Structures are given as structure tokens and as C-alpha cells.
Amino acid sequence: MIKLNEYGRSMIEMLGVLAIVGVLSVGGIAGYSKAMTNYKMNKLLSEYVEFFTDVIRHKEDWFYEHKKRNPESYANNSLFRISNFLDDVIDLPNGWSGDGEENMGVYDSLGGIVYAYVRKPYVQFDIFLSVSGASKMDLGNKIKCRMILSRLMNEFVDDLYWVAMYQNAQRKTDYLYGNKYCGVDGKKCYSSITLADINSMCEIPIDDVGGLAITIKMN
């Protein structure tokens, strides 16, 4: 019997190969995207740990600057913004910058804005996750929100007074207190919250006026 030589593949076989390659490509892209997101969040976590540590370490310097720059505010123990001159005292993390304007904040390496304040004996941070006009957080800021609440706060749970979500000076979530302050008078412990609680906080509905921020008060 004479065997015919086969030249090439049928159209159906080629389509099958292309389909398999497409599925593998999509999976590879998704895996790469997830890996890059994890890398960015790990890097950002390290930067925030550095930033918080430096600001807290210089707490007495901020109180001194408060008294020198605004004696009346200091005497009344009012909240005093220090974001606009932080880089006069500390080195910001690599990739962070101040905006160079009075009474404004600093920008993290992903472009998120952070404000810092003092009110003796506390240091306070506002980490913004949405801007005015937005009706919800975008996916990147939801991931950032979960990183801050689950990982960053865990690094500072012994320095933490409380953490909560705020928008337009209105508190959107319960206060969660650090280890030294929770459990007294019904104060809810940060250490008792679950991943489901954190996901819920990072999915809260927001108004379209004013940005949403995680507000963190440290002692």
C-alpha cells in the first residue's frame, strides 16, 4: 500500500493550537500583572514603614515646630499640619516628593497624597484613596487600602491609637484601637478585625464630594 506524505496540518488543528496558545498567554499576562501588583504593594509597604518610623521618631521636633510656627494653635492644642515642611527634617522615601506648597501634603511613589499633622501627644496621618468627584475607589486604591489596613497597621499596632476611614471630616467607619488602648470602655481592637472586615472597609460607598482617606493617629 502506498502511503501519502502529510504536508502541514488541517485548519481545525491550527485553530486548536492557536486557542491553547491564547489561553496560555492570557494566563501568563494575568500572572505577570498579579506579580507586578504584589511587587508594587510590597515596595509601597516598605516605604510607608520608613516614612511612619521617621515621622514618629521626630515627634518632639514637630511639637517644637508647632510651638514656634503657630504659638496660639500650640497653646490650644489644635491640629497642626506638618506635611509642608516634613522634608526639612527627614528624608522622604525614595520616589516620594513634597508638592512645595504651604499647608499641603507629600506624594508617595504611586502618586497617592499623604497629609501629616500633630496634636500633642499624637501624630496623625491622612492617606487619601480617592479624589473629589469620585463615586468609588478604583481597583488600585482598593488593593492599597487592604495593604494599609492589613499589613501597615500591623507593623505599628503598639504605636497605634486608632485608625478609621474619613471623608469630608465625617467618620465612615468605627475606630479601631491599638493594643495599648483597646478593650476599655468598649473600644474595638484593631487586632481583632478579620480580612472580611478589612475588605468591607475598603468597599464602603463614598460621596462624590471630597476625597476618602484612611486616618491614622499614632502615639
C-alpha atoms as a PDB file:
ATOM      1  CA  MET A   1       0.000   0.000   0.000  1.00  0.00           C
ATOM      2  CA  ILE A   2       1.292   3.414  -0.932  1.00  0.00           C
ATOM      3  CA  LYS A   3       1.406   5.962   1.971  1.00  0.00           C
ATOM      4  CA  LEU A   4       0.887   9.560   1.098  1.00  0.00           C
ATOM      5  CA  ASN A   5       3.209  12.111   2.716  1.00  0.00           C
ATOM      6  CA  GLU A   6       1.473  14.609   5.027  1.00  0.00           C
ATOM      7  CA  TYR A   7       2.205  18.232   4.402  1.00  0.00           C
ATOM      8  CA  GLY A   8       1.184  20.655   7.190  1.00  0.00           C
ATOM      9  CA  ARG A   9      -1.831  20.492   9.472  1.00  0.00           C
ATOM     10  CA  SER A  10      -5.536  20.896   8.983  1.00  0.00           C
ATOM     11  CA  MET A  11      -7.269  24.200   9.709  1.00  0.00           C
ATOM     12  CA  ILE A  12      -9.044  22.664  12.725  1.00  0.00           C
ATOM     13  CA  GLU A  13      -5.729  21.561  14.235  1.00  0.00           C
ATOM     14  CA  MET A  14      -4.218  25.009  13.699  1.00  0.00           C
ATOM     15  CA  LEU A  15      -7.214  26.699  15.333  1.00  0.00           C
ATOM     16  CA  GLY A  16      -6.875  24.337  18.289  1.00  0.00           C
ATOM     17  CA  VAL A  17      -3.198  25.212  18.698  1.00  0.00           C
ATOM     18  CA  LEU A  18      -3.980  28.928  18.480  1.00  0.00           C
ATOM     19  CA  ALA A  19      -6.701  28.559  21.121  1.00  0.00           C
ATOM     20  CA  ILE A  20      -4.291  26.817  23.500  1.00  0.00           C
ATOM     21  CA  VAL A  21      -1.628  29.477  22.913  1.00  0.00           C
ATOM     22  CA  GLY A  22      -4.217  32.193  23.577  1.00  0.00           C
ATOM     23  CA  VAL A  23      -5.305  30.634  26.872  1.00  0.00           C
ATOM     24  CA  LEU A  24      -1.686  30.257  27.995  1.00  0.00           C
ATOM     25  CA  SER A  25      -0.932  33.864  27.004  1.00  0.00           C
ATOM     26  CA  VAL A  26      -3.900  35.218  28.963  1.00  0.00           C
ATOM     27  CA  GLY A  27      -2.864  33.186  31.987  1.00  0.00           C
ATOM     28  CA  GLY A  28       0.702  34.419  31.682  1.00  0.00           C
ATOM     29  CA  ILE A  29      -0.373  38.053  31.396  1.00  0.00           C
ATOM     30  CA  ALA A  30      -2.696  37.698  34.403  1.00  0.00           C
ATOM     31  CA  GLY A  31       0.080  36.079  36.426  1.00  0.00           C
ATOM     32  CA  TYR A  32       2.544  38.808  35.444  1.00  0.00           C
ATOM     33  CA  SER A  33       0.022  41.527  36.319  1.00  0.00           C
ATOM     34  CA  LYS A  34      -0.593  39.985  39.751  1.00  0.00           C
ATOM     35  CA  ALA A  35       3.140  39.636  40.383  1.00  0.00           C
ATOM     36  CA  MET A  36       3.718  43.298  39.459  1.00  0.00           C
ATOM     37  CA  THR A  37       0.880  44.413  41.752  1.00  0.00           C
ATOM     38  CA  ASN A  38       2.355  42.397  44.622  1.00  0.00           C
ATOM     39  CA  TYR A  39       5.789  43.880  43.942  1.00  0.00           C
ATOM     40  CA  LYS A  40       4.415  47.442  43.957  1.00  0.00           C
ATOM     41  CA  MET A  41       2.449  46.875  47.182  1.00  0.00           C
ATOM     42  CA  ASN A  42       5.432  45.273  48.930  1.00  0.00           C
ATOM     43  CA  LYS A  43       7.623  48.192  47.869  1.00  0.00           C
ATOM     44  CA  LEU A  44       4.996  50.717  48.958  1.00  0.00           C
ATOM     45  CA  LEU A  45       4.612  48.975  52.320  1.00  0.00           C
ATOM     46  CA  SER A  46       8.353  49.264  52.915  1.00  0.00           C
ATOM     47  CA  GLU A  47       8.233  52.971  52.030  1.00  0.00           C
ATOM     48  CA  TYR A  48       5.321  53.675  54.375  1.00  0.00           C
ATOM     49  CA  VAL A  49       7.059  51.823  57.221  1.00  0.00           C
ATOM     50  CA  GLU A  50      10.135  54.002  56.633  1.00  0.00           C
ATOM     51  CA  PHE A  51       8.029  57.184  56.452  1.00  0.00           C
ATOM     52  CA  PHE A  52       5.935  56.476  59.568  1.00  0.00           C
ATOM     53  CA  THR A  53       9.018  55.425  61.545  1.00  0.00           C
ATOM     54  CA  ASP A  54      10.886  58.638  60.691  1.00  0.00           C
ATOM     55  CA  VAL A  55       7.924  60.908  61.426  1.00  0.00           C
ATOM     56  CA  ILE A  56       7.216  59.232  64.784  1.00  0.00           C
ATOM     57  CA  ARG A  57      10.920  59.292  65.716  1.00  0.00           C
ATOM     58  CA  HIS A  58      10.952  63.081  65.283  1.00  0.00           C
ATOM     59  CA  LYS A  59       7.721  63.689  67.167  1.00  0.00           C
ATOM     60  CA  GLU A  60       9.313  66.171  69.613  1.00  0.00           C
ATOM     61  CA  ASP A  61      10.700  68.148  66.654  1.00  0.00           C
ATOM     62  CA  TRP A  62       7.169  68.519  65.244  1.00  0.00           C
ATOM     63  CA  PHE A  63       5.847  69.719  68.604  1.00  0.00           C
ATOM     64  CA  TYR A  64       8.666  72.271  68.730  1.00  0.00           C
ATOM     65  CA  GLU A  65       7.869  73.458  65.187  1.00  0.00           C
ATOM     66  CA  HIS A  66       4.186  73.708  66.096  1.00  0.00           C
ATOM     67  CA  LYS A  67       5.005  75.957  69.058  1.00  0.00           C
ATOM     68  CA  LYS A  68       7.433  78.087  67.019  1.00  0.00           C
ATOM     69  CA  ARG A  69       5.302  78.483  63.892  1.00  0.00           C
ATOM     70  CA  ASN A  70       1.875  78.866  65.469  1.00  0.00           C
ATOM     71  CA  PRO A  71       2.027  79.587  69.223  1.00  0.00           C
ATOM     72  CA  GLU A  72      -1.733  80.164  69.515  1.00  0.00           C
ATOM     73  CA  SER A  73      -2.545  76.844  67.849  1.00  0.00           C
ATOM     74  CA  TYR A  74       0.017  75.129  70.084  1.00  0.00           C
ATOM     75  CA  ALA A  75      -1.433  76.713  73.222  1.00  0.00           C
ATOM     76  CA  ASN A  76      -4.918  75.495  72.227  1.00  0.00           C
ATOM     77  CA  ASN A  77      -3.520  72.068  71.297  1.00  0.00           C
ATOM     78  CA  SER A  78      -5.121  72.351  67.867  1.00  0.00           C
ATOM     79  CA  LEU A  79      -4.369  70.030  64.977  1.00  0.00           C
ATOM     80  CA  PHE A  80      -1.335  71.369  63.119  1.00  0.00           C
ATOM     81  CA  ARG A  81      -0.287  70.274  59.653  1.00  0.00           C
ATOM     82  CA  ILE A  82       3.393  69.394  59.253  1.00  0.00           C
ATOM     83  CA  SER A  83       3.289  67.878  55.735  1.00  0.00           C
ATOM     84  CA  ASN A  84       4.512  71.059  54.073  1.00  0.00           C
ATOM     85  CA  PHE A  85       7.872  71.052  55.886  1.00  0.00           C
ATOM     86  CA  LEU A  86       8.477  67.354  56.622  1.00  0.00           C
ATOM     87  CA  ASP A  87      11.395  67.183  54.211  1.00  0.00           C
ATOM     88  CA  ASP A  88      13.136  69.982  56.135  1.00  0.00           C
ATOM     89  CA  VAL A  89      13.665  67.498  58.968  1.00  0.00           C
ATOM     90  CA  ILE A  90      13.535  63.988  57.468  1.00  0.00           C
ATOM     91  CA  ASP A  91      14.472  62.376  54.165  1.00  0.00           C
ATOM     92  CA  LEU A  92      11.361  61.204  52.349  1.00  0.00           C
ATOM     93  CA  PRO A  93      11.422  57.646  50.971  1.00  0.00           C
ATOM     94  CA  ASN A  94      12.920  57.236  47.518  1.00  0.00           C
ATOM     95  CA  GLY A  95      10.347  58.227  44.897  1.00  0.00           C
ATOM     96  CA  TRP A  96       8.312  60.375  47.317  1.00  0.00           C
ATOM     97  CA  SER A  97       8.044  64.140  46.995  1.00  0.00           C
ATOM     98  CA  GLY A  98       6.552  67.213  48.614  1.00  0.00           C
ATOM     99  CA  ASP A  99       4.423  69.490  46.459  1.00  0.00           C
ATOM    100  CA  GLY A 100       6.256  72.604  47.599  1.00  0.00           C
ATOM    101  CA  GLU A 101       3.105  74.484  48.600  1.00  0.00           C
ATOM    102  CA  GLU A 102       2.109  75.755  52.026  1.00  0.00           C
ATOM    103  CA  ASN A 103      -0.268  73.528  54.012  1.00  0.00           C
ATOM    104  CA  MET A 104      -0.150  70.685  51.512  1.00  0.00           C
ATOM    105  CA  GLY A 105       0.931  67.058  51.634  1.00  0.00           C
ATOM    106  CA  VAL A 106       3.526  64.697  50.253  1.00  0.00           C
ATOM    107  CA  TYR A 107       3.138  62.216  47.414  1.00  0.00           C
ATOM    108  CA  ASP A 108       4.042  58.555  47.735  1.00  0.00           C
ATOM    109  CA  SER A 109       5.814  56.665  44.937  1.00  0.00           C
ATOM    110  CA  LEU A 110       2.487  55.742  43.299  1.00  0.00           C
ATOM    111  CA  GLY A 111       1.218  59.333  43.319  1.00  0.00           C
ATOM    112  CA  GLY A 112      -1.052  58.997  46.363  1.00  0.00           C
ATOM    113  CA  ILE A 113      -1.228  62.036  48.625  1.00  0.00           C
ATOM    114  CA  VAL A 114      -0.489  61.852  52.355  1.00  0.00           C
ATOM    115  CA  TYR A 115      -1.030  64.574  54.956  1.00  0.00           C
ATOM    116  CA  ALA A 116       0.644  64.574  58.355  1.00  0.00           C
ATOM    117  CA  TYR A 117      -0.385  66.503  61.474  1.00  0.00           C
ATOM    118  CA  VAL A 118       0.469  66.795  65.141  1.00  0.00           C
ATOM    119  CA  ARG A 119      -1.638  67.428  68.204  1.00  0.00           C
ATOM    120  CA  LYS A 120       0.390  66.714  71.302  1.00  0.00           C
ATOM    121  CA  PRO A 121       0.971  63.891  72.198  1.00  0.00           C
ATOM    122  CA  TYR A 122      -0.195  62.417  68.863  1.00  0.00           C
ATOM    123  CA  VAL A 123       0.956  62.289  65.257  1.00  0.00           C
ATOM    124  CA  GLN A 124      -1.796  61.841  62.671  1.00  0.00           C
ATOM    125  CA  PHE A 125      -1.708  60.732  59.030  1.00  0.00           C
ATOM    126  CA  ASP A 126      -4.364  61.025  56.309  1.00  0.00           C
ATOM    127  CA  ILE A 127      -3.720  58.654  53.394  1.00  0.00           C
ATOM    128  CA  PHE A 128      -6.069  59.544  50.540  1.00  0.00           C
ATOM    129  CA  LEU A 129      -7.616  56.757  48.474  1.00  0.00           C
ATOM    130  CA  SER A 130      -9.973  58.756  46.254  1.00  0.00           C
ATOM    131  CA  VAL A 131     -10.248  62.294  44.953  1.00  0.00           C
ATOM    132  CA  SER A 132     -13.148  64.730  44.989  1.00  0.00           C
ATOM    133  CA  GLY A 133     -15.707  63.784  42.355  1.00  0.00           C
ATOM    134  CA  ALA A 134     -15.095  60.030  42.511  1.00  0.00           C
ATOM    135  CA  SER A 135     -18.025  57.817  43.487  1.00  0.00           C
ATOM    136  CA  LYS A 136     -15.836  54.860  44.445  1.00  0.00           C
ATOM    137  CA  MET A 137     -12.226  53.793  44.891  1.00  0.00           C
ATOM    138  CA  ASP A 138     -10.520  52.380  41.825  1.00  0.00           C
ATOM    139  CA  LEU A 139      -9.090  48.849  41.984  1.00  0.00           C
ATOM    140  CA  GLY A 140      -5.532  50.040  42.644  1.00  0.00           C
ATOM    141  CA  ASN A 141      -6.602  52.064  45.670  1.00  0.00           C
ATOM    142  CA  LYS A 142      -8.724  49.191  46.993  1.00  0.00           C
ATOM    143  CA  ILE A 143      -5.623  46.988  46.915  1.00  0.00           C
ATOM    144  CA  LYS A 144      -3.652  49.800  48.586  1.00  0.00           C
ATOM    145  CA  CYS A 145      -6.401  50.174  51.202  1.00  0.00           C
ATOM    146  CA  ARG A 146      -6.217  46.478  52.066  1.00  0.00           C
ATOM    147  CA  MET A 147      -2.421  46.640  52.269  1.00  0.00           C
ATOM    148  CA  ILE A 148      -2.527  49.595  54.672  1.00  0.00           C
ATOM    149  CA  LEU A 149      -5.201  48.150  56.936  1.00  0.00           C
ATOM    150  CA  SER A 150      -3.932  44.579  56.995  1.00  0.00           C
ATOM    151  CA  ARG A 151      -0.151  44.957  56.815  1.00  0.00           C
ATOM    152  CA  LEU A 152       0.996  48.521  57.536  1.00  0.00           C
ATOM    153  CA  MET A 153      -1.141  48.885  60.665  1.00  0.00           C
ATOM    154  CA  ASN A 154       0.092  45.540  61.903  1.00  0.00           C
ATOM    155  CA  GLU A 155       3.635  46.951  61.833  1.00  0.00           C
ATOM    156  CA  PHE A 156       2.604  49.793  64.167  1.00  0.00           C
ATOM    157  CA  VAL A 157      -0.081  48.200  66.309  1.00  0.00           C
ATOM    158  CA  ASP A 158       1.817  49.101  69.506  1.00  0.00           C
ATOM    159  CA  ASP A 159       2.122  52.772  68.428  1.00  0.00           C
ATOM    160  CA  LEU A 160      -1.416  52.972  67.064  1.00  0.00           C
ATOM    161  CA  TYR A 161      -4.016  54.993  68.950  1.00  0.00           C
ATOM    162  CA  TRP A 162      -6.772  54.499  66.389  1.00  0.00           C
ATOM    163  CA  VAL A 163      -7.443  54.099  62.672  1.00  0.00           C
ATOM    164  CA  ALA A 164     -10.670  54.863  60.768  1.00  0.00           C
ATOM    165  CA  MET A 165     -11.953  55.906  57.337  1.00  0.00           C
ATOM    166  CA  TYR A 166     -12.919  59.567  56.880  1.00  0.00           C
ATOM    167  CA  GLN A 167     -14.448  61.687  54.139  1.00  0.00           C
ATOM    168  CA  ASN A 168     -15.106  65.433  54.403  1.00  0.00           C
ATOM    169  CA  ALA A 169     -14.254  65.284  58.124  1.00  0.00           C
ATOM    170  CA  GLN A 170     -17.032  62.707  58.561  1.00  0.00           C
ATOM    171  CA  ARG A 171     -16.071  59.343  60.013  1.00  0.00           C
ATOM    172  CA  LYS A 172     -17.239  56.483  57.760  1.00  0.00           C
ATOM    173  CA  THR A 173     -16.184  53.505  59.899  1.00  0.00           C
ATOM    174  CA  ASP A 174     -15.697  52.597  63.561  1.00  0.00           C
ATOM    175  CA  TYR A 175     -12.489  53.495  65.324  1.00  0.00           C
ATOM    176  CA  LEU A 176     -10.092  50.568  65.614  1.00  0.00           C
ATOM    177  CA  TYR A 177      -7.719  50.992  68.552  1.00  0.00           C
ATOM    178  CA  GLY A 178      -4.148  49.802  69.023  1.00  0.00           C
ATOM    179  CA  ASN A 179      -3.046  47.284  71.636  1.00  0.00           C
ATOM    180  CA  LYS A 180      -2.435  49.851  74.398  1.00  0.00           C
ATOM    181  CA  TYR A 181      -5.873  51.450  74.158  1.00  0.00           C
ATOM    182  CA  CYS A 182      -8.429  48.876  73.038  1.00  0.00           C
ATOM    183  CA  GLY A 183     -10.714  46.729  75.161  1.00  0.00           C
ATOM    184  CA  VAL A 184     -11.515  49.571  77.583  1.00  0.00           C
ATOM    185  CA  ASP A 185     -14.939  51.278  77.530  1.00  0.00           C
ATOM    186  CA  GLY A 186     -15.939  49.212  74.511  1.00  0.00           C
ATOM    187  CA  LYS A 187     -13.036  50.375  72.318  1.00  0.00           C
ATOM    188  CA  LYS A 188     -12.730  47.918  69.447  1.00  0.00           C
ATOM    189  CA  CYS A 189      -9.303  46.323  68.967  1.00  0.00           C
ATOM    190  CA  TYR A 190      -7.556  46.576  65.619  1.00  0.00           C
ATOM    191  CA  SER A 191      -6.013  43.178  66.347  1.00  0.00           C
ATOM    192  CA  SER A 192      -9.473  41.564  66.456  1.00  0.00           C
ATOM    193  CA  ILE A 193     -10.595  42.504  62.939  1.00  0.00           C
ATOM    194  CA  THR A 194     -10.763  39.917  60.178  1.00  0.00           C
ATOM    195  CA  LEU A 195      -9.869  40.005  56.495  1.00  0.00           C
ATOM    196  CA  ALA A 196     -13.602  40.234  55.778  1.00  0.00           C
ATOM    197  CA  ASP A 197     -13.789  43.376  57.983  1.00  0.00           C
ATOM    198  CA  ILE A 198     -10.888  44.934  56.066  1.00  0.00           C
ATOM    199  CA  ASN A 199     -12.461  44.096  52.699  1.00  0.00           C
ATOM    200  CA  SER A 200     -15.715  45.661  53.891  1.00  0.00           C
ATOM    201  CA  MET A 201     -13.932  48.857  54.959  1.00  0.00           C
ATOM    202  CA  CYS A 202     -12.221  49.074  51.574  1.00  0.00           C
ATOM    203  CA  GLU A 203     -15.552  48.679  49.742  1.00  0.00           C
ATOM    204  CA  ILE A 204     -17.527  51.369  51.600  1.00  0.00           C
ATOM    205  CA  PRO A 205     -19.686  53.631  49.419  1.00  0.00           C
ATOM    206  CA  ILE A 206     -18.367  57.168  49.195  1.00  0.00           C
ATOM    207  CA  ASP A 207     -19.817  60.553  48.300  1.00  0.00           C
ATOM    208  CA  ASP A 208     -18.744  62.296  45.117  1.00  0.00           C
ATOM    209  CA  VAL A 209     -17.602  65.389  47.035  1.00  0.00           C
ATOM    210  CA  GLY A 210     -14.290  65.263  48.874  1.00  0.00           C
ATOM    211  CA  GLY A 211     -11.688  62.526  48.923  1.00  0.00           C
ATOM    212  CA  LEU A 212     -11.786  59.399  51.073  1.00  0.00           C
ATOM    213  CA  ALA A 213      -8.862  58.864  53.446  1.00  0.00           C
ATOM    214  CA  ILE A 214      -7.582  56.372  55.970  1.00  0.00           C
ATOM    215  CA  THR A 215      -6.883  58.450  59.058  1.00  0.00           C
ATOM    216  CA  ILE A 216      -4.295  57.044  61.446  1.00  0.00           C
ATOM    217  CA  LYS A 217      -3.471  58.506  64.859  1.00  0.00           C
ATOM    218  CA  MET A 218      -0.220  57.376  66.489  1.00  0.00           C
ATOM    219  CA  ASN A 219       1.149  57.936  69.973  1.00  0.00           C
END
